[in-house]
Amino acid sequence: MRYKFNPLVDADNEKLLAELCLWIEKNIDTNIGWKELSSISKLTHTELQFLFGKYKQTTPMTYIRKQKEQNKKVLPVYTITENFKAKPSE
């Protein structure tokens, strides 16, 4: 992450959180826990809690869980193959 956590500078913190949320969305199909969030963001548990609470009004784990639920709601796109086409009526 390019930005450093600063409890006094909202613009920097919003950019940091936006970048972290993008990373979460790209990696939503993996097991994301505190260790991964801290490692990728270089933030402590407390700093992560603060950022998500202030700007997303939720906790990091709840945010991830909701993203996973949203991801499940997206229906896969199917294509019709020759095997599934209806046979003409006789």
C-alpha atoms as a PDB file:
ATOM      1  CA  MET A   1       0.000   0.000   0.000  1.00  0.00           C
ATOM      2  CA  ARG A   2       1.226   3.441  -0.832  1.00  0.00           C
ATOM      3  CA  TYR A   3      -0.479   5.404   1.910  1.00  0.00           C
ATOM      4  CA  LYS A   4       0.370   5.484   5.581  1.00  0.00           C
ATOM      5  CA  PHE A   5      -2.316   5.524   8.240  1.00  0.00           C
ATOM      6  CA  ASN A   6      -2.736   8.941   9.817  1.00  0.00           C
ATOM      7  CA  PRO A   7      -5.640   9.423  12.241  1.00  0.00           C
ATOM      8  CA  LEU A   8      -5.670  13.157  11.490  1.00  0.00           C
ATOM      9  CA  VAL A   9      -5.710  13.165   7.669  1.00  0.00           C
ATOM     10  CA  ASP A  10      -9.032  11.919   6.309  1.00  0.00           C
ATOM     11  CA  ALA A  11      -8.094  12.100   2.612  1.00  0.00           C
ATOM     12  CA  ASP A  12      -5.047   9.848   3.069  1.00  0.00           C
ATOM     13  CA  ASN A  13      -6.994   7.386   5.186  1.00  0.00           C
ATOM     14  CA  GLU A  14      -9.843   7.211   2.685  1.00  0.00           C
ATOM     15  CA  LYS A  15      -7.345   6.468  -0.102  1.00  0.00           C
ATOM     16  CA  LEU A  16      -5.690   3.797   2.031  1.00  0.00           C
ATOM     17  CA  LEU A  17      -9.029   2.167   2.808  1.00  0.00           C
ATOM     18  CA  ALA A  18     -10.182   2.376  -0.829  1.00  0.00           C
ATOM     19  CA  GLU A  19      -7.006   0.614  -1.954  1.00  0.00           C
ATOM     20  CA  LEU A  20      -7.425  -2.047   0.722  1.00  0.00           C
ATOM     21  CA  CYS A  21     -11.072  -2.596  -0.262  1.00  0.00           C
ATOM     22  CA  LEU A  22     -10.019  -3.050  -3.896  1.00  0.00           C
ATOM     23  CA  TRP A  23      -7.502  -5.657  -2.779  1.00  0.00           C
ATOM     24  CA  ILE A  24     -10.221  -7.416  -0.777  1.00  0.00           C
ATOM     25  CA  GLU A  25     -12.551  -7.447  -3.798  1.00  0.00           C
ATOM     26  CA  LYS A  26      -9.818  -8.886  -6.034  1.00  0.00           C
ATOM     27  CA  ASN A  27      -9.007 -11.580  -3.465  1.00  0.00           C
ATOM     28  CA  ILE A  28     -12.530 -12.251  -2.173  1.00  0.00           C
ATOM     29  CA  ASP A  29     -12.382 -15.923  -3.145  1.00  0.00           C
ATOM     30  CA  THR A  30      -9.414 -16.517  -0.855  1.00  0.00           C
ATOM     31  CA  ASN A  31      -9.355 -16.864   2.919  1.00  0.00           C
ATOM     32  CA  ILE A  32      -8.797 -13.286   4.146  1.00  0.00           C
ATOM     33  CA  GLY A  33      -8.158 -12.853   7.855  1.00  0.00           C
ATOM     34  CA  TRP A  34      -6.487 -10.397  10.177  1.00  0.00           C
ATOM     35  CA  LYS A  35      -3.022 -11.656   9.290  1.00  0.00           C
ATOM     36  CA  GLU A  36      -3.559 -11.031   5.569  1.00  0.00           C
ATOM     37  CA  LEU A  37      -5.154  -7.615   6.119  1.00  0.00           C
ATOM     38  CA  SER A  38      -2.346  -6.485   8.410  1.00  0.00           C
ATOM     39  CA  SER A  39       0.311  -7.831   6.078  1.00  0.00           C
ATOM     40  CA  ILE A  40      -1.033  -6.194   2.917  1.00  0.00           C
ATOM     41  CA  SER A  41      -1.944  -2.878   4.538  1.00  0.00           C
ATOM     42  CA  LYS A  42       0.933  -2.638   7.042  1.00  0.00           C
ATOM     43  CA  LEU A  43      -1.673  -1.583   9.626  1.00  0.00           C
ATOM     44  CA  THR A  44      -2.350  -2.922  13.100  1.00  0.00           C
ATOM     45  CA  HIS A  45      -5.584  -4.590  14.150  1.00  0.00           C
ATOM     46  CA  THR A  46      -6.613  -1.372  15.946  1.00  0.00           C
ATOM     47  CA  GLU A  47      -5.851   0.834  12.929  1.00  0.00           C
ATOM     48  CA  LEU A  48      -7.869  -1.444  10.650  1.00  0.00           C
ATOM     49  CA  GLN A  49     -10.790  -1.406  13.081  1.00  0.00           C
ATOM     50  CA  PHE A  50     -10.622   2.394  13.221  1.00  0.00           C
ATOM     51  CA  LEU A  51     -10.577   2.857   9.435  1.00  0.00           C
ATOM     52  CA  PHE A  52     -13.439   0.462   8.708  1.00  0.00           C
ATOM     53  CA  GLY A  53     -15.474   1.832  11.599  1.00  0.00           C
ATOM     54  CA  LYS A  54     -15.028   5.458  10.587  1.00  0.00           C
ATOM     55  CA  TYR A  55     -15.408   5.180   6.816  1.00  0.00           C
ATOM     56  CA  LYS A  56     -17.475   2.007   6.284  1.00  0.00           C
ATOM     57  CA  GLN A  57     -19.409   1.912   9.591  1.00  0.00           C
ATOM     58  CA  THR A  58     -18.534  -1.751   9.999  1.00  0.00           C
ATOM     59  CA  THR A  59     -15.686  -4.018  11.040  1.00  0.00           C
ATOM     60  CA  PRO A  60     -13.148  -5.414   8.569  1.00  0.00           C
ATOM     61  CA  MET A  61     -14.420  -8.989   8.992  1.00  0.00           C
ATOM     62  CA  THR A  62     -18.055  -7.966   8.534  1.00  0.00           C
ATOM     63  CA  TYR A  63     -17.076  -6.036   5.402  1.00  0.00           C
ATOM     64  CA  ILE A  64     -15.327  -9.115   4.005  1.00  0.00           C
ATOM     65  CA  ARG A  65     -18.268 -11.371   4.877  1.00  0.00           C
ATOM     66  CA  LYS A  66     -20.708  -9.008   3.127  1.00  0.00           C
ATOM     67  CA  GLN A  67     -18.464  -8.858   0.065  1.00  0.00           C
ATOM     68  CA  LYS A  68     -18.415 -12.663  -0.054  1.00  0.00           C
ATOM     69  CA  GLU A  69     -22.226 -12.718   0.181  1.00  0.00           C
ATOM     70  CA  GLN A  70     -22.491 -10.149  -2.626  1.00  0.00           C
ATOM     71  CA  ASN A  71     -20.113 -12.229  -4.726  1.00  0.00           C
ATOM     72  CA  LYS A  72     -22.341 -15.295  -4.285  1.00  0.00           C
ATOM     73  CA  LYS A  73     -25.402 -13.351  -5.484  1.00  0.00           C
ATOM     74  CA  VAL A  74     -23.825 -12.704  -8.871  1.00  0.00           C
ATOM     75  CA  LEU A  75     -25.199 -15.362 -11.171  1.00  0.00           C
ATOM     76  CA  PRO A  76     -22.802 -17.103 -13.513  1.00  0.00           C
ATOM     77  CA  VAL A  77     -23.233 -16.553 -17.231  1.00  0.00           C
ATOM     78  CA  TYR A  78     -24.164 -19.663 -19.147  1.00  0.00           C
ATOM     79  CA  THR A  79     -23.996 -20.274 -22.845  1.00  0.00           C
ATOM     80  CA  ILE A  80     -26.253 -22.638 -24.708  1.00  0.00           C
ATOM     81  CA  THR A  81     -24.376 -25.453 -26.354  1.00  0.00           C
ATOM     82  CA  GLU A  82     -25.566 -27.817 -29.054  1.00  0.00           C
ATOM     83  CA  ASN A  83     -26.365 -30.480 -26.440  1.00  0.00           C
ATOM     84  CA  PHE A  84     -28.853 -28.240 -24.640  1.00  0.00           C
ATOM     85  CA  LYS A  85     -30.719 -26.814 -27.609  1.00  0.00           C
ATOM     86  CA  ALA A  86     -34.315 -27.947 -27.879  1.00  0.00           C
ATOM     87  CA  LYS A  87     -34.987 -30.554 -30.520  1.00  0.00           C
ATOM     88  CA  PRO A  88     -37.435 -29.502 -33.225  1.00  0.00           C
ATOM     89  CA  SER A  89     -40.967 -30.841 -32.873  1.00  0.00           C
ATOM     90  CA  GLU A  90     -41.893 -33.665 -35.204  1.00  0.00           C
END
